[in-house]
Amino acid sequence: MISADTDQPKRETLKLRIAPGELGLIDRAAAAQGKNRTDFILEAACIAAEEVIQDHAKLPVTHEAYQALLEPLGLPPKPNERLRKTMRTPAPWDME
């Protein structure tokens, strides 16, 4: 028989010091999302961690491949009907 303790992976404890104002802010935000403080902080921290890791991910490419990527980015777009229509359409903030 498997005990209830072995069904879930072991979790670590994270301790931190926090100013009362920050704690209140976190508690209000967690309540607004219907979460408890721990779930709210863990989700926010994981999202931030994933963003940092993605921002620091490197994709090694050759100089030639990098230049091939940059070259078309510096060229003006080729005119086509969709582009012409977009350029003729007034911006929403210019409409009355």
N, C-alpha and C. Protein backbone atom coordinates (compact mmCIF):
# COMPACT_ATOMS: atom_id res chain seq x y z
N MET A 1 0.84 -1.18 0.00
CA MET A 1 0.00 0.00 0.00
C MET A 1 0.89 1.25 0.00
N ILE A 2 0.51 2.25 -0.80
CA ILE A 2 1.27 3.50 -0.87
C ILE A 2 0.67 4.47 0.13
N SER A 3 1.54 5.06 0.92
CA SER A 3 1.05 6.04 1.89
C SER A 3 0.79 7.36 1.21
N ALA A 4 -0.01 8.20 1.84
CA ALA A 4 -0.34 9.51 1.28
C ALA A 4 0.90 10.38 1.14
N ASP A 5 1.91 10.14 1.98
CA ASP A 5 3.13 10.94 1.93
C ASP A 5 3.94 10.71 0.65
N THR A 6 3.84 9.54 0.06
CA THR A 6 4.65 9.24 -1.12
C THR A 6 3.95 9.59 -2.42
N ASP A 7 2.67 9.96 -2.36
CA ASP A 7 1.94 10.32 -3.57
C ASP A 7 2.39 11.66 -4.15
N GLN A 8 2.80 12.56 -3.32
CA GLN A 8 3.20 13.90 -3.75
C GLN A 8 4.72 14.05 -3.66
N PRO A 9 5.32 14.74 -4.64
CA PRO A 9 6.76 14.98 -4.52
C PRO A 9 7.05 15.86 -3.32
N LYS A 10 8.22 15.66 -2.74
CA LYS A 10 8.61 16.44 -1.58
C LYS A 10 8.74 17.91 -1.97
N ARG A 11 8.31 18.79 -1.10
CA ARG A 11 8.38 20.22 -1.35
C ARG A 11 9.36 20.84 -0.36
N GLU A 12 10.04 21.86 -0.80
CA GLU A 12 10.99 22.58 0.04
C GLU A 12 10.30 23.77 0.69
N THR A 13 10.89 24.28 1.75
CA THR A 13 10.37 25.46 2.43
C THR A 13 11.22 26.65 2.04
N LEU A 14 10.57 27.76 1.77
CA LEU A 14 11.25 29.01 1.44
C LEU A 14 10.85 30.03 2.49
N LYS A 15 11.84 30.58 3.16
CA LYS A 15 11.58 31.60 4.17
C LYS A 15 12.10 32.93 3.66
N LEU A 16 11.33 33.98 3.90
CA LEU A 16 11.80 35.30 3.52
C LEU A 16 11.24 36.34 4.46
N ARG A 17 11.97 37.44 4.55
CA ARG A 17 11.53 38.55 5.38
C ARG A 17 10.87 39.55 4.45
N ILE A 18 9.78 40.13 4.92
CA ILE A 18 9.02 41.04 4.08
C ILE A 18 8.40 42.14 4.93
N ALA A 19 8.39 43.34 4.38
CA ALA A 19 7.80 44.48 5.08
C ALA A 19 6.28 44.31 5.14
N PRO A 20 5.67 44.79 6.22
CA PRO A 20 4.22 44.65 6.37
C PRO A 20 3.43 45.21 5.18
N GLY A 21 3.86 46.33 4.65
CA GLY A 21 3.16 46.91 3.51
C GLY A 21 3.20 46.02 2.29
N GLU A 22 4.35 45.40 2.06
CA GLU A 22 4.49 44.49 0.93
C GLU A 22 3.63 43.24 1.13
N LEU A 23 3.58 42.76 2.35
CA LEU A 23 2.77 41.58 2.66
C LEU A 23 1.30 41.88 2.43
N GLY A 24 0.87 43.06 2.85
CA GLY A 24 -0.52 43.45 2.63
C GLY A 24 -0.85 43.55 1.15
N LEU A 25 0.07 44.09 0.39
CA LEU A 25 -0.11 44.21 -1.06
C LEU A 25 -0.26 42.83 -1.69
N ILE A 26 0.61 41.92 -1.31
CA ILE A 26 0.57 40.55 -1.84
C ILE A 26 -0.72 39.86 -1.44
N ASP A 27 -1.13 40.03 -0.18
CA ASP A 27 -2.37 39.40 0.28
C ASP A 27 -3.58 39.93 -0.48
N ARG A 28 -3.62 41.23 -0.75
CA ARG A 28 -4.75 41.81 -1.50
C ARG A 28 -4.78 41.26 -2.93
N ALA A 29 -3.61 41.18 -3.55
CA ALA A 29 -3.55 40.66 -4.91
C ALA A 29 -3.94 39.19 -4.95
N ALA A 30 -3.46 38.42 -4.00
CA ALA A 30 -3.80 36.99 -3.95
C ALA A 30 -5.32 36.82 -3.77
N ALA A 31 -5.90 37.60 -2.88
CA ALA A 31 -7.34 37.52 -2.65
C ALA A 31 -8.12 37.90 -3.91
N ALA A 32 -7.61 38.89 -4.64
CA ALA A 32 -8.29 39.31 -5.86
C ALA A 32 -8.31 38.20 -6.90
N GLN A 33 -7.33 37.31 -6.86
CA GLN A 33 -7.28 36.19 -7.80
C GLN A 33 -7.84 34.90 -7.18
N GLY A 34 -8.35 35.00 -5.97
CA GLY A 34 -8.91 33.83 -5.32
C GLY A 34 -7.87 32.79 -4.93
N LYS A 35 -6.67 33.26 -4.63
CA LYS A 35 -5.57 32.36 -4.26
C LYS A 35 -5.11 32.66 -2.85
N ASN A 36 -4.43 31.69 -2.26
CA ASN A 36 -3.80 31.99 -0.98
C ASN A 36 -2.43 32.61 -1.25
N ARG A 37 -1.83 33.15 -0.21
CA ARG A 37 -0.56 33.86 -0.35
C ARG A 37 0.52 32.97 -0.97
N THR A 38 0.65 31.76 -0.49
CA THR A 38 1.69 30.86 -0.97
C THR A 38 1.54 30.57 -2.46
N ASP A 39 0.32 30.23 -2.87
CA ASP A 39 0.10 29.92 -4.29
C ASP A 39 0.35 31.15 -5.16
N PHE A 40 -0.07 32.32 -4.69
CA PHE A 40 0.13 33.55 -5.45
C PHE A 40 1.62 33.85 -5.61
N ILE A 41 2.36 33.79 -4.52
CA ILE A 41 3.79 34.10 -4.57
C ILE A 41 4.53 33.08 -5.43
N LEU A 42 4.20 31.81 -5.26
CA LEU A 42 4.88 30.76 -6.03
C LEU A 42 4.62 30.92 -7.53
N GLU A 43 3.37 31.20 -7.90
CA GLU A 43 3.07 31.38 -9.31
C GLU A 43 3.78 32.60 -9.88
N ALA A 44 3.75 33.72 -9.15
CA ALA A 44 4.40 34.95 -9.62
C ALA A 44 5.92 34.75 -9.74
N ALA A 45 6.50 34.07 -8.78
CA ALA A 45 7.95 33.84 -8.81
C ALA A 45 8.32 32.92 -9.97
N CYS A 46 7.53 31.91 -10.24
CA CYS A 46 7.82 31.00 -11.35
C CYS A 46 7.69 31.71 -12.69
N ILE A 47 6.68 32.54 -12.83
CA ILE A 47 6.52 33.30 -14.08
C ILE A 47 7.72 34.22 -14.28
N ALA A 48 8.13 34.93 -13.23
CA ALA A 48 9.29 35.82 -13.33
C ALA A 48 10.56 35.02 -13.65
N ALA A 49 10.72 33.87 -13.04
CA ALA A 49 11.91 33.04 -13.28
C ALA A 49 11.95 32.57 -14.73
N GLU A 50 10.81 32.14 -15.26
CA GLU A 50 10.77 31.69 -16.66
C GLU A 50 11.12 32.83 -17.61
N GLU A 51 10.61 34.04 -17.33
CA GLU A 51 10.92 35.20 -18.17
C GLU A 51 12.41 35.51 -18.17
N VAL A 52 13.03 35.47 -17.01
CA VAL A 52 14.47 35.74 -16.90
C VAL A 52 15.26 34.70 -17.67
N ILE A 53 14.90 33.44 -17.51
CA ILE A 53 15.61 32.37 -18.20
C ILE A 53 15.46 32.52 -19.71
N GLN A 54 14.26 32.83 -20.17
CA GLN A 54 14.04 33.03 -21.61
C GLN A 54 14.82 34.23 -22.12
N ASP A 55 14.86 35.31 -21.34
CA ASP A 55 15.60 36.50 -21.76
C ASP A 55 17.10 36.23 -21.87
N HIS A 56 17.59 35.26 -21.12
CA HIS A 56 19.01 34.98 -21.13
C HIS A 56 19.37 33.77 -21.99
N ALA A 57 18.38 33.19 -22.64
CA ALA A 57 18.64 32.04 -23.51
C ALA A 57 19.38 32.52 -24.74
N LYS A 58 20.35 31.78 -25.13
CA LYS A 58 21.15 32.13 -26.30
C LYS A 58 20.98 31.06 -27.36
N LEU A 59 20.90 31.51 -28.58
CA LEU A 59 20.79 30.61 -29.71
C LEU A 59 22.03 30.82 -30.57
N PRO A 60 22.99 29.93 -30.46
CA PRO A 60 24.22 30.12 -31.24
C PRO A 60 23.96 29.93 -32.73
N VAL A 61 24.38 30.91 -33.52
CA VAL A 61 24.27 30.84 -34.97
C VAL A 61 25.58 31.32 -35.58
N THR A 62 25.79 30.94 -36.81
CA THR A 62 26.99 31.41 -37.51
C THR A 62 26.80 32.87 -37.90
N HIS A 63 27.90 33.53 -38.21
CA HIS A 63 27.85 34.92 -38.65
C HIS A 63 27.01 35.03 -39.93
N GLU A 64 27.17 34.08 -40.81
CA GLU A 64 26.44 34.09 -42.08
C GLU A 64 24.94 33.97 -41.83
N ALA A 65 24.54 33.09 -40.93
CA ALA A 65 23.11 32.90 -40.63
C ALA A 65 22.53 34.16 -40.01
N TYR A 66 23.30 34.79 -39.13
CA TYR A 66 22.84 36.02 -38.48
C TYR A 66 22.67 37.13 -39.51
N GLN A 67 23.62 37.26 -40.43
CA GLN A 67 23.51 38.28 -41.48
C GLN A 67 22.32 37.99 -42.40
N ALA A 68 22.07 36.72 -42.68
CA ALA A 68 20.93 36.35 -43.52
C ALA A 68 19.61 36.71 -42.83
N LEU A 69 19.59 36.66 -41.52
CA LEU A 69 18.40 37.05 -40.77
C LEU A 69 18.23 38.57 -40.79
N LEU A 70 19.32 39.30 -40.60
CA LEU A 70 19.25 40.76 -40.52
C LEU A 70 18.95 41.42 -41.86
N GLU A 71 19.45 40.85 -42.93
CA GLU A 71 19.34 41.49 -44.24
C GLU A 71 17.90 41.85 -44.62
N PRO A 72 16.96 40.91 -44.57
CA PRO A 72 15.60 41.29 -44.97
C PRO A 72 14.94 42.28 -44.00
N LEU A 73 15.39 42.29 -42.76
CA LEU A 73 14.80 43.21 -41.79
C LEU A 73 15.11 44.67 -42.14
N GLY A 74 16.20 44.91 -42.81
CA GLY A 74 16.57 46.27 -43.18
C GLY A 74 15.95 46.75 -44.47
N LEU A 75 15.29 45.87 -45.19
CA LEU A 75 14.69 46.24 -46.47
C LEU A 75 13.29 46.81 -46.26
N PRO A 76 12.89 47.77 -47.11
CA PRO A 76 11.52 48.26 -47.00
C PRO A 76 10.54 47.17 -47.43
N PRO A 77 9.31 47.20 -46.91
CA PRO A 77 8.35 46.17 -47.31
C PRO A 77 7.99 46.32 -48.78
N LYS A 78 7.73 45.20 -49.43
CA LYS A 78 7.33 45.23 -50.84
C LYS A 78 5.86 45.67 -50.89
N PRO A 79 5.56 46.66 -51.72
CA PRO A 79 4.17 47.11 -51.81
C PRO A 79 3.24 45.98 -52.26
N ASN A 80 2.09 45.91 -51.63
CA ASN A 80 1.04 44.97 -52.02
C ASN A 80 -0.29 45.60 -51.65
N GLU A 81 -1.37 45.00 -52.07
CA GLU A 81 -2.68 45.62 -51.85
C GLU A 81 -3.01 45.76 -50.37
N ARG A 82 -2.67 44.78 -49.59
CA ARG A 82 -2.95 44.84 -48.15
C ARG A 82 -2.19 45.99 -47.49
N LEU A 83 -0.92 46.17 -47.87
CA LEU A 83 -0.13 47.27 -47.32
C LEU A 83 -0.70 48.61 -47.77
N ARG A 84 -1.09 48.70 -49.05
CA ARG A 84 -1.68 49.96 -49.54
C ARG A 84 -2.96 50.29 -48.78
N LYS A 85 -3.80 49.29 -48.54
CA LYS A 85 -5.04 49.51 -47.80
C LYS A 85 -4.74 49.98 -46.38
N THR A 86 -3.76 49.37 -45.74
CA THR A 86 -3.39 49.76 -44.39
C THR A 86 -2.90 51.20 -44.36
N MET A 87 -2.11 51.58 -45.33
CA MET A 87 -1.57 52.94 -45.35
C MET A 87 -2.66 53.98 -45.64
N ARG A 88 -3.72 53.60 -46.35
CA ARG A 88 -4.81 54.53 -46.65
C ARG A 88 -5.80 54.65 -45.47
N THR A 89 -5.82 53.67 -44.59
CA THR A 89 -6.78 53.67 -43.49
C THR A 89 -6.30 54.62 -42.39
N PRO A 90 -7.17 55.55 -41.95
CA PRO A 90 -6.76 56.45 -40.87
C PRO A 90 -6.54 55.68 -39.56
N ALA A 91 -5.61 56.15 -38.79
CA ALA A 91 -5.36 55.54 -37.47
C ALA A 91 -6.57 55.78 -36.58
N PRO A 92 -6.89 54.85 -35.68
CA PRO A 92 -8.06 55.01 -34.81
C PRO A 92 -8.03 56.32 -34.02
N TRP A 93 -6.85 56.76 -33.62
CA TRP A 93 -6.76 57.99 -32.83
C TRP A 93 -6.92 59.25 -33.69
N ASP A 94 -6.86 59.10 -35.03
CA ASP A 94 -7.08 60.23 -35.91
C ASP A 94 -8.53 60.35 -36.37
N MET A 95 -9.32 59.32 -36.08
CA MET A 95 -10.73 59.33 -36.50
C MET A 95 -11.55 60.19 -35.54
N GLU A 96 -12.58 60.80 -36.08
CA GLU A 96 -13.46 61.62 -35.24
C GLU A 96 -14.78 60.94 -35.05
